Amino acid sequence: MHQAPTVVITDCDHGSTDIERALAREAGYELVVAHCASEADVIAAARGATAILTQYAPVSAAVLSALPGLRAVGRYGVGVDTVDVDAATSRGVAVCNVPDYGTEDVSDHAIAHIVALLRGLPTLDKGLRRGVSDLGPAQPLHRFSATTLGLYGLGLIGEATARKARGLGLQTIGSDPRFSPGETTPDGTLVVTPEGLLEQSDILSLHLPLIPQTKHLIDDAAFARMKHGIKIVNTCRGGVMDTAALVRALGAGVVSAAGLDVFEEEPLPLTSELLGFEQVLLTPHAAWYSEESFSELKRRAMQNILDVCAGREVRNTVNAGALATRASEERADV
């Protein structure tokens, strides 16, 4: 009896995989849901699989080498830092992500953090809960129209955040290697150098991928260039900012407030020094979520890898060269 090809979800904390299961069944695939945390887990769960979907589990060169029949790796989300893309490409394995499913949601969340910090809401809320009906701990507060928001990264989410911020009256500047300092983005953000961004921003919002060049980009040296009393929001990746450096900057008053949705260690440990600062607003990597983004992420992540396996055009792949490599190998086998 012919056995249906298999797609393995290595790990998923979504609670339900009904959307993925329905798409797989319609395409003639068996879906297996595993609970992988390590390379060994992935190898054991995905042996013989045609494609895998991963949330946090590592897909390293060793994993790819142990799974020679793999044609596609899909990631629930935008970043692919848990996947060895170069190793996948060399083996003709397509790596797919969903880069724009949460653009509106993450930018909404960034704006929520920005507004909360600019109005001192974390400090005022925590003070009132202790019986302190005093504006003083949150001062100084400034009008939005007198405030410059700096955006480190002007991709889809950064630009969406900038657009919404300008609607609230904030002035926006940004830095991104895709643009030259002095020009204005199509949506109206003035582009400055990275140094200028750090020096001119009253509040800084991070919208960068986590790659070797951005690891701990916001470190002690970066904080030293910033305005004293700057506010910082991070909804991209925890590793972009050096947590120990942030704690030092908060303690010294260099950073007057921070809004963080992502952390170097997730979930955030209860021993984290960040929990000791009243002016820090913390959310549990929730920026991506809305009911709409949730279903879109699941549907598109699965559809991407099914399209690879069927030889169809793929909406989102980060290594198009892998498809060419696979096609060349298949022609050679004919």
Protein backbone atom coordinates (compact mmCIF):
# COMPACT_ATOMS: atom_id res chain seq x y z
CA MET A 1 0.00 0.00 0.00
CA HIS A 2 1.35 3.40 -1.00
CA GLN A 3 2.24 5.60 1.96
CA ALA A 4 1.42 9.31 1.74
CA PRO A 5 4.39 11.70 1.91
CA THR A 6 4.86 13.34 5.29
CA VAL A 7 5.09 16.90 6.58
CA VAL A 8 6.37 17.22 10.14
CA ILE A 9 5.67 20.17 12.42
CA THR A 10 8.71 20.02 14.69
CA ASP A 11 7.21 22.22 17.40
CA CYS A 12 4.20 24.48 17.74
CA ASP A 13 2.67 26.17 20.79
CA HIS A 14 -0.44 27.36 18.95
CA GLY A 15 -2.78 24.90 20.62
CA SER A 16 -4.34 23.74 17.35
CA THR A 17 -2.96 22.67 13.99
CA ASP A 18 -6.34 22.23 12.30
CA ILE A 19 -5.52 24.72 9.53
CA GLU A 20 -2.25 22.99 8.66
CA ARG A 21 -3.83 19.55 8.85
CA ALA A 22 -6.62 20.51 6.45
CA LEU A 23 -4.16 21.93 3.89
CA ALA A 24 -1.87 18.90 4.16
CA ARG A 25 -4.75 16.46 3.75
CA GLU A 26 -6.05 18.34 0.71
CA ALA A 27 -2.59 18.12 -0.89
CA GLY A 28 -2.27 14.40 -0.12
CA TYR A 29 0.20 14.64 2.76
CA GLU A 30 0.20 13.07 6.18
CA LEU A 31 0.84 15.63 8.94
CA VAL A 32 2.82 14.67 12.05
CA VAL A 33 3.08 17.07 14.99
CA ALA A 34 6.13 16.62 17.22
CA HIS A 35 7.54 18.40 20.27
CA CYS A 36 11.17 18.99 19.32
CA ALA A 37 13.61 21.10 21.30
CA SER A 38 16.99 19.87 20.07
CA GLU A 39 18.73 18.85 16.86
CA ALA A 40 18.43 15.20 17.86
CA ASP A 41 14.69 15.64 18.41
CA VAL A 42 14.22 17.11 14.94
CA ILE A 43 16.25 14.35 13.26
CA ALA A 44 14.27 11.63 15.05
CA ALA A 45 10.87 13.20 14.35
CA ALA A 46 11.46 14.18 10.72
CA ARG A 47 13.30 11.13 9.40
CA GLY A 48 11.71 10.36 6.02
CA ALA A 49 9.75 13.63 5.89
CA THR A 50 9.40 15.60 2.68
CA ALA A 51 9.06 18.95 4.46
CA ILE A 52 9.06 20.37 7.95
CA LEU A 53 7.52 23.35 9.66
CA THR A 54 9.36 24.77 12.65
CA GLN A 55 8.64 27.39 15.28
CA TYR A 56 11.67 27.41 17.60
CA ALA A 57 13.41 24.05 17.03
CA PRO A 58 16.89 24.24 15.45
CA VAL A 59 17.35 23.18 11.84
CA SER A 60 21.14 23.08 11.61
CA ALA A 61 23.54 21.73 9.00
CA ALA A 62 23.68 18.50 11.00
CA VAL A 63 19.89 18.20 10.91
CA LEU A 64 19.77 18.84 7.17
CA SER A 65 22.53 16.31 6.53
CA ALA A 66 20.60 13.68 8.47
CA LEU A 67 17.41 14.33 6.46
CA PRO A 68 18.44 13.88 2.80
CA GLY A 69 14.88 13.56 1.55
CA LEU A 70 13.87 16.98 2.82
CA ARG A 71 12.70 19.44 0.18
CA ALA A 72 11.47 22.39 2.25
CA VAL A 73 11.77 23.97 5.69
CA GLY A 74 9.02 26.38 6.65
CA ARG A 75 9.21 28.76 9.58
CA TYR A 76 6.29 30.09 11.55
CA GLY A 77 7.27 33.76 11.42
CA VAL A 78 9.60 36.24 9.78
CA GLY A 79 13.06 35.42 11.13
CA VAL A 80 14.97 32.33 10.02
CA ASP A 81 17.84 32.58 12.51
CA THR A 82 17.09 29.05 13.77
CA VAL A 83 17.70 27.60 10.30
CA ASP A 84 21.11 27.17 8.64
CA VAL A 85 20.05 28.77 5.36
CA ASP A 86 23.41 28.30 3.66
CA ALA A 87 23.43 24.58 4.42
CA ALA A 88 19.85 24.28 3.20
CA THR A 89 20.66 26.09 -0.03
CA SER A 90 23.64 23.86 -0.76
CA ARG A 91 21.37 20.83 -0.39
CA GLY A 92 18.59 22.24 -2.55
CA VAL A 93 16.24 22.65 0.43
CA ALA A 94 14.00 25.69 0.19
CA VAL A 95 13.65 27.77 3.36
CA CYS A 96 10.34 29.59 3.56
CA ASN A 97 9.04 32.22 5.97
CA VAL A 98 6.03 34.51 6.23
CA PRO A 99 7.57 37.98 6.20
CA ASP A 100 4.51 40.19 6.16
CA TYR A 101 1.77 38.31 8.01
CA GLY A 102 2.12 40.46 11.16
CA THR A 103 3.11 43.85 9.76
CA GLU A 104 0.04 45.65 11.08
CA ASP A 105 -0.04 43.71 14.33
CA VAL A 106 3.62 44.23 15.32
CA SER A 107 3.51 47.89 14.35
CA ASP A 108 0.29 48.31 16.36
CA HIS A 109 2.04 46.76 19.34
CA ALA A 110 5.09 48.99 18.88
CA ILE A 111 2.81 52.04 18.79
CA ALA A 112 1.07 50.85 21.96
CA HIS A 113 4.44 50.67 23.73
CA ILE A 114 5.52 54.05 22.33
CA VAL A 115 2.35 55.79 23.50
CA ALA A 116 2.52 54.12 26.92
CA LEU A 117 6.11 55.23 27.46
CA LEU A 118 5.62 58.77 26.19
CA ARG A 119 2.71 59.25 28.60
CA GLY A 120 4.48 57.52 31.50
CA LEU A 121 1.77 54.88 31.85
CA PRO A 122 3.88 52.04 33.35
CA THR A 123 5.20 54.30 36.13
CA LEU A 124 1.86 56.00 36.80
CA ASP A 125 -0.04 52.71 36.89
CA LYS A 126 2.38 51.00 39.27
CA GLY A 127 2.50 54.07 41.51
CA LEU A 128 -1.27 54.34 41.77
CA ARG A 129 -1.49 50.68 42.75
CA ARG A 130 0.70 51.57 45.73
CA GLY A 131 -1.48 54.54 46.63
CA VAL A 132 0.81 57.16 45.05
CA SER A 133 -1.38 59.70 43.22
CA ASP A 134 1.54 61.74 41.97
CA LEU A 135 2.60 62.76 38.48
CA GLY A 136 6.17 63.40 39.57
CA PRO A 137 7.72 59.95 39.01
CA ALA A 138 6.64 60.03 35.34
CA GLN A 139 7.96 63.51 34.59
CA PRO A 140 9.01 64.99 32.28
CA LEU A 141 6.30 64.26 29.71
CA HIS A 142 6.35 65.94 26.31
CA ARG A 143 3.83 66.51 23.56
CA PHE A 144 3.99 64.03 20.74
CA SER A 145 4.49 66.91 18.29
CA ALA A 146 7.65 67.88 20.20
CA THR A 147 9.02 64.33 20.14
CA THR A 148 11.30 62.63 17.60
CA LEU A 149 10.76 58.93 17.09
CA GLY A 150 13.75 57.10 15.65
CA LEU A 151 13.19 53.86 13.77
CA TYR A 152 16.14 51.50 13.51
CA GLY A 153 15.08 49.50 10.47
CA LEU A 154 12.69 50.74 7.81
CA GLY A 155 11.28 47.51 6.45
CA LEU A 156 7.58 46.76 6.33
CA ILE A 157 7.07 46.91 10.10
CA GLY A 158 9.34 49.90 10.67
CA GLU A 159 7.61 51.92 7.99
CA ALA A 160 4.14 50.90 9.22
CA THR A 161 5.15 52.03 12.72
CA ALA A 162 6.44 55.32 11.32
CA ARG A 163 3.22 55.92 9.38
CA LYS A 164 1.07 55.36 12.45
CA ALA A 165 3.37 57.48 14.62
CA ARG A 166 3.15 60.42 12.23
CA GLY A 167 -0.62 60.13 12.46
CA LEU A 168 -0.22 60.78 16.20
CA GLY A 169 1.91 63.84 15.54
CA LEU A 170 5.40 62.46 16.19
CA GLN A 171 8.35 63.46 14.04
CA THR A 172 9.99 60.39 12.46
CA ILE A 173 13.57 59.70 11.46
CA GLY A 174 15.04 56.35 10.54
CA SER A 175 18.11 54.40 9.54
CA ASP A 176 18.25 51.48 7.14
CA PRO A 177 20.99 50.32 4.73
CA ARG A 178 18.47 50.29 1.88
CA PHE A 179 18.26 54.10 2.03
CA SER A 180 20.86 56.87 1.87
CA PRO A 181 21.12 59.45 4.66
CA GLY A 182 19.41 62.67 3.63
CA GLU A 183 16.70 61.09 1.52
CA THR A 184 13.10 60.64 2.60
CA THR A 185 11.34 57.28 2.37
CA PRO A 186 8.28 57.01 0.11
CA ASP A 187 6.12 57.16 3.23
CA GLY A 188 7.78 60.30 4.61
CA THR A 189 10.50 59.32 7.10
CA LEU A 190 13.76 61.27 6.98
CA VAL A 191 16.73 58.90 6.69
CA VAL A 192 19.79 59.59 8.86
CA THR A 193 22.98 57.74 9.67
CA PRO A 194 22.92 55.13 12.47
CA GLU A 195 24.97 57.54 14.60
CA GLY A 196 22.56 60.37 13.87
CA LEU A 197 19.63 58.15 14.76
CA LEU A 198 21.07 57.39 18.20
CA GLU A 199 21.96 61.02 18.84
CA GLN A 200 18.71 62.65 17.67
CA SER A 201 15.96 60.27 18.86
CA ASP A 202 13.83 61.04 21.90
CA ILE A 203 12.39 57.55 21.66
CA LEU A 204 13.92 54.71 19.65
CA SER A 205 11.98 51.78 18.17
CA LEU A 206 13.90 48.73 16.93
CA HIS A 207 12.82 46.90 13.76
CA LEU A 208 15.84 44.82 12.77
CA PRO A 209 16.41 41.15 11.93
CA LEU A 210 18.72 39.20 14.23
CA ILE A 211 21.78 38.43 12.12
CA PRO A 212 25.48 38.42 13.07
CA GLN A 213 25.78 42.11 12.15
CA THR A 214 22.92 43.15 14.44
CA LYS A 215 23.69 40.92 17.45
CA HIS A 216 24.03 43.32 20.45
CA LEU A 217 23.97 46.29 18.08
CA ILE A 218 22.48 48.29 20.93
CA ASP A 219 25.28 47.98 23.46
CA ASP A 220 27.12 50.21 25.94
CA ALA A 221 28.72 52.18 23.12
CA ALA A 222 25.35 52.78 21.47
CA PHE A 223 23.77 53.90 24.74
CA ALA A 224 26.67 56.33 25.24
CA ARG A 225 25.69 58.13 22.00
CA MET A 226 22.04 58.54 22.95
CA LYS A 227 20.29 61.50 24.54
CA HIS A 228 20.19 61.23 28.31
CA GLY A 229 16.67 60.07 29.20
CA ILE A 230 15.90 58.37 25.89
CA LYS A 231 13.08 55.81 25.75
CA ILE A 232 13.48 52.52 23.87
CA VAL A 233 10.98 50.06 22.38
CA ASN A 234 11.96 46.61 21.07
CA THR A 235 9.44 44.44 19.22
CA CYS A 236 11.89 42.73 16.82
CA ARG A 237 14.44 40.33 18.39
CA GLY A 238 15.80 40.31 21.92
CA GLY A 239 19.37 39.67 20.80
CA VAL A 240 19.56 42.98 18.93
CA MET A 241 19.98 44.67 22.32
CA ASP A 242 22.54 43.75 24.99
CA THR A 243 20.34 43.16 28.04
CA ALA A 244 23.13 43.78 30.54
CA ALA A 245 23.95 47.07 28.82
CA LEU A 246 20.26 48.06 28.91
CA VAL A 247 20.10 47.32 32.64
CA ARG A 248 23.15 49.54 33.19
CA ALA A 249 21.63 52.31 31.07
CA LEU A 250 18.34 52.12 32.99
CA GLY A 251 20.16 52.21 36.30
CA ALA A 252 22.15 55.26 35.26
CA GLY A 253 19.10 57.09 33.91
CA VAL A 254 20.50 57.14 30.38
CA VAL A 255 17.37 55.23 29.38
CA SER A 256 14.37 56.67 31.21
CA ALA A 257 11.89 54.00 30.09
CA ALA A 258 11.73 50.89 27.93
CA GLY A 259 8.99 48.85 26.28
CA LEU A 260 10.09 45.30 25.54
CA ASP A 261 8.20 42.50 23.82
CA VAL A 262 11.25 40.35 23.03
CA PHE A 263 14.16 39.16 25.16
CA GLU A 264 17.50 37.42 24.83
CA GLU A 265 16.08 34.60 26.93
CA GLU A 266 12.45 33.65 26.43
CA PRO A 267 10.33 33.30 28.39
CA LEU A 268 11.76 36.12 30.49
CA PRO A 269 13.16 34.61 33.70
CA LEU A 270 11.60 35.76 36.96
CA THR A 271 15.16 36.51 38.08
CA SER A 272 15.68 39.10 35.30
CA GLU A 273 16.89 42.48 36.52
CA LEU A 274 14.48 44.11 34.08
CA LEU A 275 11.64 43.24 36.45
CA GLY A 276 13.07 45.63 39.02
CA PHE A 277 12.42 48.78 36.98
CA GLU A 278 8.95 50.33 37.25
CA GLN A 279 9.48 52.34 34.08
CA VAL A 280 9.90 49.18 31.98
CA LEU A 281 6.82 47.86 30.20
CA LEU A 282 7.04 44.13 29.47
CA THR A 283 4.93 41.94 27.19
CA PRO A 284 5.56 38.23 26.42
CA HIS A 285 6.53 38.21 22.71
CA ALA A 286 2.91 39.00 21.89
CA ALA A 287 3.34 41.69 19.23
CA TRP A 288 2.77 39.28 16.35
CA TYR A 289 -0.62 38.15 17.54
CA SER A 290 -4.14 38.96 16.43
CA GLU A 291 -6.82 36.49 15.44
CA GLU A 292 -6.30 37.53 11.84
CA SER A 293 -2.50 37.27 11.85
CA PHE A 294 -2.65 33.92 13.67
CA SER A 295 -4.71 32.19 11.00
CA GLU A 296 -2.79 33.86 8.17
CA LEU A 297 0.55 32.73 9.60
CA LYS A 298 -0.52 29.11 9.87
CA ARG A 299 -2.13 28.98 6.44
CA ARG A 300 0.73 30.65 4.58
CA ALA A 301 3.52 28.79 6.41
CA MET A 302 2.00 25.46 5.38
CA GLN A 303 1.08 26.57 1.87
CA ASN A 304 4.65 27.70 1.19
CA ILE A 305 6.17 24.28 1.80
CA LEU A 306 3.37 22.47 -0.03
CA ASP A 307 3.99 24.71 -3.04
CA VAL A 308 7.70 23.84 -2.96
CA CYS A 309 6.93 20.14 -2.86
CA ALA A 310 4.47 20.46 -5.74
CA GLY A 311 6.92 22.43 -7.88
CA ARG A 312 4.67 25.49 -7.88
CA GLU A 313 5.77 29.11 -7.58
CA VAL A 314 6.40 29.88 -3.90
CA ARG A 315 5.18 33.12 -2.40
CA ASN A 316 7.92 33.39 0.24
CA THR A 317 11.34 31.77 0.17
CA VAL A 318 14.56 33.27 1.53
CA ASN A 319 16.86 31.13 -0.63
CA ALA A 320 15.51 31.00 -4.16
CA GLY A 321 18.84 29.47 -5.19
CA ALA A 322 17.82 26.26 -3.46
CA LEU A 323 14.99 25.78 -5.91
CA ALA A 324 17.42 26.18 -8.82
CA THR A 325 19.81 23.70 -7.20
CA ARG A 326 17.02 21.17 -6.73
CA ALA A 327 15.79 21.61 -10.30
CA SER A 328 19.31 21.11 -11.66
CA GLU A 329 19.76 17.94 -9.60
CA GLU A 330 16.42 16.57 -10.77
CA ARG A 331 17.27 17.23 -14.42
CA ALA A 332 20.60 15.43 -13.91
CA ASP A 333 18.76 12.40 -12.56
CA VAL A 334 16.52 12.10 -15.60
